[in-house]
Amino acid sequence: MLPMRNKVLQLGIIAEYWTREIMGIRTAAEIEAELLAAYWRGDLPVLYEGATRSIDRAGMLRAVNLKREHPAFSFIDIAQTIPPRSVKHSDGSVSIDVRRYIVLPSDQAQWTEDILQSAYGVLAKIGLEGFDPSIIPAFVGFAMTKEVLAEFCDKMGYDRPRFWFRATKDPVSFGGRPSAMRQIRAEMTRRADQHVLAPTLREEAKALLIWAKANINEKMQLPQPRSAENALREEYNKLRSTVVADEHKT
């Protein structure tokens, strides 16, 4: 594959080329969602093509806040107005409120750093379809430089994609076949973002290996359960603590 020579690419284009390269192990929508989540977390500076400055998260939040009601979430002024998650009706049925509620005062002068960080954390869990259609074009225009993607891949432990970088050798296990650990780690991160991370490392490793057998090329060597646990332990503990903290906030 000949690497692209562009210095800047939109996130959607990056996601589309990347999913082809990894043979659909992650869909383009999943990859783009991960990149957008990294932006909201402050881990991935993005810009618009032709611009020189990164897109400020607070400025983007102000744009999103022009609509207080979105398909998947609502902005509210105080936490006390969050409705109960479940309501039992007289006929015995139960309604579950799956919307997310973000405490963000209507008066921007009241936006403290804690309020902003909490809002960013919730928005990082919401896909494009969860936003009002009027704001989606702003996200579609998000782009990043080649250097930024390289730093992101290095931080996450991903191979730099060949569509934009020179080909690198796949990590090879002692058995001589390419290892699947990079894909497994990526899937664990995705599960954490979706709040479906297992409560224990052993259960998470078991779930990941089941996923790997069903989704990863059979030429890739899968680790044994104990080896997977050892390789994932540090990252799992970090992700698990983040998930638990987020659950307490909401």
Protein backbone atom coordinates (compact mmCIF):
# COMPACT_ATOMS: atom_id res chain seq x y z
CA MET A 1 0.00 0.00 0.00
CA LEU A 2 1.31 3.43 -0.95
CA PRO A 3 1.04 5.84 2.00
CA MET A 4 -1.09 8.95 1.44
CA ARG A 5 0.86 12.18 1.12
CA ASN A 6 -1.72 14.46 2.74
CA LYS A 7 -0.54 16.36 5.80
CA VAL A 8 -4.06 16.59 7.23
CA LEU A 9 -7.02 14.19 6.95
CA GLN A 10 -10.56 14.31 8.28
CA LEU A 11 -11.37 11.82 11.03
CA GLY A 12 -14.00 10.12 8.89
CA ILE A 13 -11.49 9.52 6.10
CA ILE A 14 -8.92 8.21 8.57
CA ALA A 15 -11.51 5.84 10.04
CA GLU A 16 -12.56 4.57 6.60
CA TYR A 17 -9.02 3.79 5.43
CA TRP A 18 -8.07 2.34 8.81
CA THR A 19 -10.95 -0.14 8.92
CA ARG A 20 -10.03 -1.42 5.47
CA GLU A 21 -6.46 -1.92 6.61
CA ILE A 22 -7.44 -4.00 9.64
CA MET A 23 -9.99 -5.96 7.63
CA GLY A 24 -13.00 -4.63 9.49
CA ILE A 25 -11.97 -5.77 12.97
CA ARG A 26 -13.19 -2.33 14.01
CA THR A 27 -15.77 -0.55 11.85
CA ALA A 28 -15.20 2.94 10.51
CA ALA A 29 -17.94 4.22 12.83
CA GLU A 30 -16.25 2.64 15.87
CA ILE A 31 -12.87 4.10 14.95
CA GLU A 32 -14.29 7.57 14.36
CA ALA A 33 -16.16 7.35 17.67
CA GLU A 34 -12.92 6.48 19.47
CA LEU A 35 -11.15 9.45 17.89
CA LEU A 36 -13.98 11.80 18.86
CA ALA A 37 -13.94 10.42 22.40
CA ALA A 38 -10.20 11.07 22.60
CA TYR A 39 -10.85 14.67 21.48
CA TRP A 40 -13.40 15.24 24.24
CA ARG A 41 -11.03 13.71 26.79
CA GLY A 42 -8.34 16.16 25.70
CA ASP A 43 -6.07 13.42 24.35
CA LEU A 44 -6.37 14.27 20.66
CA PRO A 45 -6.03 17.79 19.24
CA VAL A 46 -8.10 18.24 16.10
CA LEU A 47 -8.53 21.11 13.66
CA TYR A 48 -10.31 22.01 10.46
CA GLU A 49 -8.50 21.55 7.17
CA GLY A 50 -6.67 24.75 6.28
CA ALA A 51 -6.65 25.98 9.89
CA THR A 52 -3.56 26.28 12.07
CA ARG A 53 -5.15 26.23 15.52
CA SER A 54 -6.70 23.27 17.30
CA ILE A 55 -10.44 23.28 17.97
CA ASP A 56 -11.05 24.40 21.53
CA ARG A 57 -13.22 21.99 23.52
CA ALA A 58 -14.93 24.77 25.46
CA GLY A 59 -15.81 26.53 22.23
CA MET A 60 -17.24 23.32 20.78
CA LEU A 61 -19.20 22.74 23.97
CA ARG A 62 -20.72 26.21 23.61
CA ALA A 63 -21.79 25.28 20.08
CA VAL A 64 -23.34 22.01 21.27
CA ASN A 65 -25.06 23.90 24.09
CA LEU A 66 -27.02 25.99 21.57
CA LYS A 67 -29.40 23.02 21.70
CA ARG A 68 -30.13 21.96 25.25
CA GLU A 69 -31.93 18.80 24.10
CA HIS A 70 -30.15 16.25 21.91
CA PRO A 71 -31.27 12.77 20.79
CA ALA A 72 -29.14 10.98 23.39
CA PHE A 73 -28.62 13.56 26.13
CA SER A 74 -29.87 16.75 27.73
CA PHE A 75 -28.12 19.64 29.40
CA ILE A 76 -29.56 20.55 32.80
CA ASP A 77 -28.78 23.38 35.21
CA ILE A 78 -28.54 21.37 38.42
CA ALA A 79 -28.15 17.68 39.23
CA GLN A 80 -31.29 17.71 41.39
CA THR A 81 -33.47 17.89 38.26
CA ILE A 82 -32.21 14.57 36.86
CA PRO A 83 -35.25 12.28 36.66
CA PRO A 84 -35.15 8.75 38.10
CA ARG A 85 -33.65 6.12 35.82
CA SER A 86 -36.65 3.82 36.18
CA VAL A 87 -40.34 4.47 36.78
CA LYS A 88 -42.79 1.73 37.73
CA HIS A 89 -46.30 2.20 36.37
CA SER A 90 -49.61 1.13 37.86
CA ASP A 91 -49.90 -1.74 35.39
CA GLY A 92 -46.63 -3.20 36.66
CA SER A 93 -44.56 -2.14 33.66
CA VAL A 94 -41.33 -0.24 34.11
CA SER A 95 -39.97 2.59 31.98
CA ILE A 96 -36.19 3.00 31.78
CA ASP A 97 -34.72 6.40 30.99
CA VAL A 98 -31.58 5.75 28.94
CA ARG A 99 -30.82 9.42 28.25
CA ARG A 100 -27.71 10.98 29.68
CA TYR A 101 -27.98 14.19 31.65
CA ILE A 102 -25.11 16.66 31.71
CA VAL A 103 -24.99 19.33 34.37
CA LEU A 104 -24.17 22.49 32.45
CA PRO A 105 -25.70 25.77 33.71
CA SER A 106 -27.49 27.91 31.14
CA ASP A 107 -25.38 30.82 32.41
CA GLN A 108 -21.92 30.21 30.97
CA ALA A 109 -20.41 32.41 33.68
CA GLN A 110 -21.11 29.50 36.06
CA TRP A 111 -19.08 26.99 34.04
CA THR A 112 -16.33 25.92 36.41
CA GLU A 113 -13.43 23.68 35.41
CA ASP A 114 -15.04 20.76 37.25
CA ILE A 115 -18.30 21.27 35.35
CA LEU A 116 -16.44 21.42 32.04
CA GLN A 117 -14.40 18.29 32.71
CA SER A 118 -17.49 16.36 33.77
CA ALA A 119 -19.33 17.45 30.60
CA TYR A 120 -16.39 16.45 28.40
CA GLY A 121 -16.32 13.04 30.07
CA VAL A 122 -19.98 12.35 29.27
CA LEU A 123 -19.73 13.67 25.70
CA ALA A 124 -16.80 11.30 25.13
CA LYS A 125 -19.26 8.41 25.51
CA ILE A 126 -21.77 9.71 22.95
CA GLY A 127 -21.57 8.85 19.26
CA LEU A 128 -22.35 11.26 16.45
CA GLU A 129 -25.91 10.00 16.18
CA GLY A 130 -26.55 11.17 19.75
CA PHE A 131 -26.10 14.85 18.85
CA ASP A 132 -28.63 17.18 17.27
CA PRO A 133 -28.33 17.05 13.45
CA SER A 134 -27.52 20.77 13.34
CA ILE A 135 -24.16 20.23 15.10
CA ILE A 136 -23.05 17.07 13.31
CA PRO A 137 -21.50 18.90 10.30
CA ALA A 138 -19.09 20.59 12.70
CA PHE A 139 -17.86 17.18 13.88
CA VAL A 140 -17.69 15.78 10.35
CA GLY A 141 -15.19 18.51 9.53
CA PHE A 142 -12.82 17.48 12.32
CA ALA A 143 -9.36 16.59 11.00
CA MET A 144 -5.92 15.84 12.36
CA THR A 145 -2.35 16.05 11.24
CA LYS A 146 -0.19 13.05 10.50
CA GLU A 147 2.02 13.88 13.48
CA VAL A 148 -0.94 13.94 15.86
CA LEU A 149 -2.14 10.53 14.68
CA ALA A 150 1.37 9.14 15.12
CA GLU A 151 1.46 10.36 18.73
CA PHE A 152 -2.01 8.96 19.38
CA CYS A 153 -1.06 5.53 18.02
CA ASP A 154 2.14 5.45 20.05
CA LYS A 155 0.25 6.40 23.21
CA MET A 156 -2.45 3.77 22.66
CA GLY A 157 -0.02 1.05 21.58
CA TYR A 158 -1.51 0.84 18.07
CA ASP A 159 0.55 0.22 14.97
CA ARG A 160 0.70 3.37 12.88
CA PRO A 161 -1.66 2.73 9.94
CA ARG A 162 0.08 1.97 6.67
CA PHE A 163 -2.25 4.15 4.61
CA TRP A 164 -0.46 7.17 6.06
CA PHE A 165 2.83 5.79 7.36
CA ARG A 166 5.51 3.46 6.13
CA ALA A 167 4.69 -0.17 6.79
CA THR A 168 5.83 -1.54 10.11
CA LYS A 169 6.21 -5.19 11.02
CA ASP A 170 3.44 -6.77 13.01
CA PRO A 171 4.44 -7.67 16.57
CA VAL A 172 5.44 -11.33 16.48
CA SER A 173 4.91 -13.81 19.29
CA PHE A 174 7.42 -16.45 20.34
CA GLY A 175 5.43 -18.96 18.28
CA GLY A 176 6.29 -17.10 15.10
CA ARG A 177 2.76 -15.91 14.22
CA PRO A 178 1.64 -12.28 14.57
CA SER A 179 0.22 -11.52 18.00
CA ALA A 180 -3.38 -10.36 18.47
CA MET A 181 -2.68 -8.35 21.63
CA ARG A 182 -2.97 -4.96 19.94
CA GLN A 183 -6.46 -5.75 18.70
CA ILE A 184 -7.41 -7.23 22.07
CA ARG A 185 -6.24 -4.10 23.90
CA ALA A 186 -8.19 -1.93 21.46
CA GLU A 187 -11.33 -4.00 22.08
CA MET A 188 -10.89 -3.68 25.85
CA THR A 189 -10.66 0.12 25.48
CA ARG A 190 -13.83 0.10 23.38
CA ARG A 191 -15.63 -2.00 25.99
CA ALA A 192 -14.54 0.42 28.71
CA ASP A 193 -15.87 3.37 26.68
CA GLN A 194 -19.19 1.52 26.36
CA HIS A 195 -19.24 0.71 30.11
CA VAL A 196 -19.33 -3.04 29.52
CA LEU A 197 -15.94 -3.78 31.05
CA ALA A 198 -16.14 -6.92 33.21
CA PRO A 199 -15.86 -6.37 37.00
CA THR A 200 -12.75 -8.56 37.29
CA LEU A 201 -9.65 -8.97 35.17
CA ARG A 202 -10.22 -12.73 34.80
CA GLU A 203 -13.76 -12.21 33.47
CA GLU A 204 -12.59 -9.45 31.13
CA ALA A 205 -9.76 -11.55 29.72
CA LYS A 206 -12.19 -14.44 29.15
CA ALA A 207 -14.64 -12.15 27.33
CA LEU A 208 -11.88 -10.66 25.20
CA LEU A 209 -10.56 -14.07 24.16
CA ILE A 210 -14.06 -15.17 23.15
CA TRP A 211 -14.35 -11.97 21.09
CA ALA A 212 -10.90 -12.53 19.58
CA LYS A 213 -11.71 -16.08 18.46
CA ALA A 214 -14.80 -14.79 16.65
CA ASN A 215 -13.35 -11.60 15.16
CA ILE A 216 -9.58 -11.86 14.64
CA ASN A 217 -7.93 -13.53 11.68
CA GLU A 218 -7.11 -17.14 12.52
CA LYS A 219 -3.52 -16.53 11.41
CA MET A 220 -3.08 -14.34 14.48
CA GLN A 221 -1.90 -16.15 17.60
CA LEU A 222 -4.15 -15.74 20.62
CA PRO A 223 -2.59 -15.70 24.10
CA GLN A 224 -3.48 -18.18 26.80
CA PRO A 225 -5.88 -16.85 29.48
CA ARG A 226 -3.16 -16.41 32.11
CA SER A 227 -0.85 -14.67 29.62
CA ALA A 228 -3.69 -12.38 28.54
CA GLU A 229 -4.40 -11.44 32.16
CA ASN A 230 -0.76 -10.59 32.80
CA ALA A 231 -0.49 -8.52 29.63
CA LEU A 232 -3.73 -6.62 30.29
CA ARG A 233 -3.55 -6.19 34.06
CA GLU A 234 -2.10 -2.66 34.26
CA GLU A 235 -4.29 -1.21 31.50
CA TYR A 236 -7.39 -3.02 32.80
CA ASN A 237 -6.91 -1.55 36.28
CA LYS A 238 -6.66 1.97 34.83
CA LEU A 239 -9.73 1.53 32.65
CA ARG A 240 -11.72 -0.09 35.45
CA SER A 241 -10.97 2.77 37.87
CA THR A 242 -12.09 5.29 35.23
CA VAL A 243 -15.33 3.41 34.58
CA VAL A 244 -16.12 3.16 38.29
CA ALA A 245 -15.43 6.89 38.76
CA ASP A 246 -17.72 7.75 35.84
CA GLU A 247 -20.50 5.57 37.21
CA HIS A 248 -20.33 7.36 40.55
CA LYS A 249 -20.58 10.75 38.79
CA THR A 250 -23.69 9.75 36.89
